[in-house]
Amino acid sequence: MRIDQIGGINPLNNIQNTKRTQGTGGVKSAPDSISVSAEAKEMAEAYYLKGIADETPDVRADLVAQIKEKIKDANYLNPQTISATADRIMQAYGI
């Protein structure tokens, strides 16, 4: 049993017998262009910013280390510092 010529079809003859066209016949096309809506631009920017936010750590370890060092100093924790910190916390929560 031979399976290389099923039904007497020779694939090389089919390729050799194809006729080729002689050009496009003078078809002219306009240059391609696209337009992006303002909504799509906003969504792309939001997607980009979300990626940056996902990559950014929630805790700034360097800043936490600096504050820990300041708190160790007994002179740093005075009534003025505590009052200023409390004011900033209250402003952050809108109180």
N, C-alpha and C. Protein backbone atom coordinates (compact mmCIF):
# COMPACT_ATOMS: atom_id res chain seq x y z
N MET A 1 0.85 -1.18 0.00
CA MET A 1 0.00 0.00 0.00
C MET A 1 0.89 1.23 0.00
N ARG A 2 0.61 2.16 -0.90
CA ARG A 2 1.37 3.40 -0.98
C ARG A 2 0.47 4.55 -0.57
N ILE A 3 0.99 5.39 0.33
CA ILE A 3 0.18 6.52 0.77
C ILE A 3 0.71 7.83 0.24
N ASP A 4 1.79 7.81 -0.53
CA ASP A 4 2.35 9.06 -1.02
C ASP A 4 1.57 9.63 -2.20
N GLN A 5 0.75 8.84 -2.89
CA GLN A 5 -0.03 9.33 -4.01
C GLN A 5 -1.48 8.91 -3.89
N ILE A 6 -2.12 9.34 -2.84
CA ILE A 6 -3.53 9.00 -2.64
C ILE A 6 -4.36 9.73 -3.69
N GLY A 7 -5.15 8.99 -4.40
CA GLY A 7 -6.04 9.59 -5.40
C GLY A 7 -5.29 10.16 -6.60
N GLY A 8 -4.03 9.86 -6.79
CA GLY A 8 -3.28 10.32 -7.95
C GLY A 8 -2.95 11.80 -7.94
N ILE A 9 -2.93 12.44 -6.80
CA ILE A 9 -2.64 13.87 -6.73
C ILE A 9 -1.16 14.05 -6.44
N ASN A 10 -0.52 14.82 -7.26
CA ASN A 10 0.88 15.13 -7.05
C ASN A 10 0.96 16.59 -6.64
N PRO A 11 1.34 16.90 -5.40
CA PRO A 11 1.33 18.28 -4.94
C PRO A 11 2.28 19.19 -5.71
N LEU A 12 3.36 18.67 -6.26
CA LEU A 12 4.30 19.50 -7.01
C LEU A 12 3.68 19.99 -8.32
N ASN A 13 2.89 19.17 -8.97
CA ASN A 13 2.25 19.59 -10.21
C ASN A 13 1.25 20.70 -9.95
N ASN A 14 0.54 20.64 -8.83
CA ASN A 14 -0.44 21.67 -8.52
C ASN A 14 0.23 23.02 -8.32
N ILE A 15 1.39 23.04 -7.73
CA ILE A 15 2.11 24.30 -7.50
C ILE A 15 2.68 24.83 -8.81
N GLN A 16 3.19 23.96 -9.64
CA GLN A 16 3.81 24.39 -10.88
C GLN A 16 2.79 24.86 -11.91
N ASN A 17 1.56 24.40 -11.84
CA ASN A 17 0.56 24.74 -12.84
C ASN A 17 -0.25 25.99 -12.50
N THR A 18 0.03 26.62 -11.37
CA THR A 18 -0.74 27.81 -11.02
C THR A 18 -0.31 28.97 -11.89
N LYS A 19 -1.29 29.81 -12.23
CA LYS A 19 -1.01 30.97 -13.06
C LYS A 19 -0.78 32.17 -12.16
N ARG A 20 0.12 33.00 -12.51
CA ARG A 20 0.44 34.18 -11.73
C ARG A 20 -0.18 35.41 -12.39
N THR A 21 -0.59 36.35 -11.57
CA THR A 21 -1.15 37.59 -12.11
C THR A 21 -0.02 38.54 -12.46
N GLN A 22 -0.30 39.46 -13.34
CA GLN A 22 0.71 40.39 -13.83
C GLN A 22 0.56 41.77 -13.18
N GLY A 23 0.59 41.87 -11.88
CA GLY A 23 0.51 43.17 -11.22
C GLY A 23 -0.86 43.41 -10.61
N THR A 24 -1.03 44.59 -10.08
CA THR A 24 -2.27 44.91 -9.38
C THR A 24 -3.26 45.65 -10.25
N GLY A 25 -2.91 46.02 -11.44
CA GLY A 25 -3.84 46.69 -12.34
C GLY A 25 -4.09 48.14 -11.98
N GLY A 26 -3.15 48.79 -11.39
CA GLY A 26 -3.28 50.21 -11.10
C GLY A 26 -4.15 50.54 -9.90
N VAL A 27 -4.25 49.65 -8.94
CA VAL A 27 -5.03 49.92 -7.74
C VAL A 27 -4.22 50.84 -6.83
N LYS A 28 -4.85 51.93 -6.42
CA LYS A 28 -4.19 52.86 -5.51
C LYS A 28 -4.92 52.84 -4.18
N SER A 29 -4.16 52.89 -3.12
CA SER A 29 -4.79 52.87 -1.80
C SER A 29 -4.30 54.07 -0.99
N ALA A 30 -5.16 54.52 -0.13
CA ALA A 30 -4.82 55.64 0.76
C ALA A 30 -3.95 55.11 1.90
N PRO A 31 -3.14 55.97 2.48
CA PRO A 31 -2.32 55.50 3.61
C PRO A 31 -3.22 55.11 4.78
N ASP A 32 -2.78 54.12 5.52
CA ASP A 32 -3.53 53.66 6.67
C ASP A 32 -3.48 54.70 7.78
N SER A 33 -4.56 54.79 8.53
CA SER A 33 -4.59 55.71 9.67
C SER A 33 -5.54 55.15 10.72
N ILE A 34 -5.30 55.55 11.95
CA ILE A 34 -6.17 55.17 13.05
C ILE A 34 -6.47 56.40 13.89
N SER A 35 -7.54 56.33 14.62
CA SER A 35 -7.84 57.41 15.56
C SER A 35 -8.21 56.77 16.89
N VAL A 36 -7.71 57.35 17.95
CA VAL A 36 -7.94 56.83 19.30
C VAL A 36 -8.80 57.82 20.05
N SER A 37 -9.86 57.34 20.63
CA SER A 37 -10.78 58.23 21.34
C SER A 37 -10.17 58.72 22.64
N ALA A 38 -10.71 59.80 23.15
CA ALA A 38 -10.24 60.35 24.42
C ALA A 38 -10.45 59.35 25.55
N GLU A 39 -11.55 58.62 25.48
CA GLU A 39 -11.84 57.61 26.50
C GLU A 39 -10.78 56.51 26.49
N ALA A 40 -10.38 56.07 25.30
CA ALA A 40 -9.35 55.04 25.19
C ALA A 40 -8.02 55.54 25.72
N LYS A 41 -7.70 56.81 25.46
CA LYS A 41 -6.45 57.39 25.98
C LYS A 41 -6.47 57.44 27.51
N GLU A 42 -7.62 57.81 28.07
CA GLU A 42 -7.75 57.85 29.54
C GLU A 42 -7.62 56.46 30.13
N MET A 43 -8.21 55.48 29.47
CA MET A 43 -8.11 54.11 29.97
C MET A 43 -6.68 53.60 29.89
N ALA A 44 -5.96 53.95 28.84
CA ALA A 44 -4.57 53.54 28.70
C ALA A 44 -3.71 54.18 29.79
N GLU A 45 -3.97 55.46 30.08
CA GLU A 45 -3.22 56.13 31.14
C GLU A 45 -3.53 55.51 32.50
N ALA A 46 -4.81 55.19 32.74
CA ALA A 46 -5.19 54.56 34.01
C ALA A 46 -4.54 53.19 34.14
N TYR A 47 -4.47 52.44 33.05
CA TYR A 47 -3.82 51.12 33.07
C TYR A 47 -2.34 51.26 33.38
N TYR A 48 -1.69 52.25 32.78
CA TYR A 48 -0.27 52.51 33.02
C TYR A 48 -0.03 52.89 34.48
N LEU A 49 -0.86 53.80 35.01
CA LEU A 49 -0.69 54.23 36.40
C LEU A 49 -0.98 53.11 37.38
N LYS A 50 -1.92 52.23 37.05
CA LYS A 50 -2.20 51.09 37.91
C LYS A 50 -0.99 50.17 37.97
N GLY A 51 -0.33 49.98 36.85
CA GLY A 51 0.88 49.15 36.83
C GLY A 51 1.97 49.73 37.71
N ILE A 52 2.13 51.05 37.65
CA ILE A 52 3.13 51.70 38.50
C ILE A 52 2.75 51.54 39.97
N ALA A 53 1.48 51.72 40.29
CA ALA A 53 1.02 51.60 41.68
C ALA A 53 1.20 50.17 42.19
N ASP A 54 0.98 49.18 41.32
CA ASP A 54 1.17 47.79 41.73
C ASP A 54 2.63 47.47 42.02
N GLU A 55 3.53 48.12 41.29
CA GLU A 55 4.96 47.86 41.48
C GLU A 55 5.55 48.63 42.66
N THR A 56 4.88 49.69 43.09
CA THR A 56 5.40 50.53 44.17
C THR A 56 5.03 49.91 45.51
N PRO A 57 6.00 49.77 46.40
CA PRO A 57 5.68 49.19 47.71
C PRO A 57 4.81 50.15 48.53
N ASP A 58 3.95 49.57 49.37
CA ASP A 58 3.06 50.38 50.20
C ASP A 58 3.80 51.07 51.33
N VAL A 59 4.87 50.48 51.80
CA VAL A 59 5.62 51.03 52.93
C VAL A 59 6.99 51.46 52.44
N ARG A 60 7.34 52.70 52.77
CA ARG A 60 8.67 53.19 52.42
C ARG A 60 9.61 52.86 53.57
N ALA A 61 10.36 51.79 53.41
CA ALA A 61 11.23 51.27 54.47
C ALA A 61 12.26 52.30 54.90
N ASP A 62 12.79 53.09 53.95
CA ASP A 62 13.80 54.09 54.31
C ASP A 62 13.23 55.16 55.23
N LEU A 63 12.00 55.60 54.96
CA LEU A 63 11.37 56.62 55.78
C LEU A 63 11.01 56.06 57.16
N VAL A 64 10.55 54.82 57.21
CA VAL A 64 10.23 54.19 58.49
C VAL A 64 11.49 54.07 59.35
N ALA A 65 12.61 53.70 58.74
CA ALA A 65 13.86 53.58 59.48
C ALA A 65 14.30 54.94 60.04
N GLN A 66 14.14 56.00 59.26
CA GLN A 66 14.50 57.34 59.76
C GLN A 66 13.65 57.74 60.95
N ILE A 67 12.36 57.48 60.87
CA ILE A 67 11.46 57.85 61.97
C ILE A 67 11.76 57.02 63.21
N LYS A 68 12.08 55.75 63.05
CA LYS A 68 12.43 54.91 64.20
C LYS A 68 13.67 55.45 64.90
N GLU A 69 14.63 55.91 64.12
CA GLU A 69 15.84 56.49 64.72
C GLU A 69 15.52 57.78 65.48
N LYS A 70 14.63 58.60 64.94
CA LYS A 70 14.26 59.85 65.61
C LYS A 70 13.52 59.57 66.91
N ILE A 71 12.65 58.55 66.91
CA ILE A 71 11.88 58.23 68.10
C ILE A 71 12.78 57.71 69.23
N LYS A 72 13.86 57.06 68.88
CA LYS A 72 14.79 56.58 69.90
C LYS A 72 15.42 57.72 70.68
N ASP A 73 15.53 58.88 70.07
CA ASP A 73 16.11 60.05 70.73
C ASP A 73 15.07 60.63 71.69
N ALA A 74 15.41 60.72 72.95
CA ALA A 74 14.47 61.22 73.97
C ALA A 74 14.12 62.69 73.74
N ASN A 75 15.00 63.47 73.17
CA ASN A 75 14.74 64.89 72.93
C ASN A 75 13.75 65.12 71.79
N TYR A 76 13.59 64.15 70.92
CA TYR A 76 12.69 64.31 69.77
C TYR A 76 11.23 64.29 70.20
N LEU A 77 10.89 63.44 71.16
CA LEU A 77 9.50 63.33 71.62
C LEU A 77 9.21 64.40 72.67
N ASN A 78 8.96 65.60 72.19
CA ASN A 78 8.60 66.70 73.08
C ASN A 78 7.15 67.10 72.78
N PRO A 79 6.53 67.92 73.60
CA PRO A 79 5.13 68.28 73.37
C PRO A 79 4.86 68.93 72.01
N GLN A 80 5.78 69.71 71.49
CA GLN A 80 5.58 70.35 70.19
C GLN A 80 5.52 69.31 69.06
N THR A 81 6.39 68.34 69.09
CA THR A 81 6.42 67.30 68.07
C THR A 81 5.15 66.46 68.13
N ILE A 82 4.75 66.11 69.35
CA ILE A 82 3.55 65.29 69.52
C ILE A 82 2.32 66.06 69.03
N SER A 83 2.24 67.35 69.36
CA SER A 83 1.11 68.17 68.93
C SER A 83 1.07 68.32 67.41
N ALA A 84 2.22 68.55 66.79
CA ALA A 84 2.28 68.69 65.33
C ALA A 84 1.87 67.39 64.65
N THR A 85 2.30 66.26 65.19
CA THR A 85 1.94 64.97 64.62
C THR A 85 0.45 64.72 64.75
N ALA A 86 -0.11 65.04 65.92
CA ALA A 86 -1.54 64.86 66.12
C ALA A 86 -2.34 65.75 65.16
N ASP A 87 -1.88 66.98 64.94
CA ASP A 87 -2.56 67.88 64.00
C ASP A 87 -2.55 67.32 62.59
N ARG A 88 -1.42 66.76 62.17
CA ARG A 88 -1.33 66.20 60.82
C ARG A 88 -2.24 65.00 60.65
N ILE A 89 -2.32 64.17 61.68
CA ILE A 89 -3.20 63.00 61.62
C ILE A 89 -4.65 63.45 61.52
N MET A 90 -5.03 64.44 62.30
CA MET A 90 -6.41 64.94 62.28
C MET A 90 -6.74 65.56 60.92
N GLN A 91 -5.79 66.27 60.33
CA GLN A 91 -6.01 66.86 58.99
C GLN A 91 -6.17 65.76 57.94
N ALA A 92 -5.39 64.71 58.07
CA ALA A 92 -5.47 63.61 57.10
C ALA A 92 -6.84 62.94 57.13
N TYR A 93 -7.46 62.88 58.32
CA TYR A 93 -8.79 62.27 58.45
C TYR A 93 -9.92 63.29 58.35
N GLY A 94 -9.58 64.56 58.13
CA GLY A 94 -10.59 65.60 57.96
C GLY A 94 -11.29 65.98 59.24
N ILE A 95 -10.60 65.86 60.34
CA ILE A 95 -11.20 66.20 61.64
C ILE A 95 -10.77 67.58 62.05
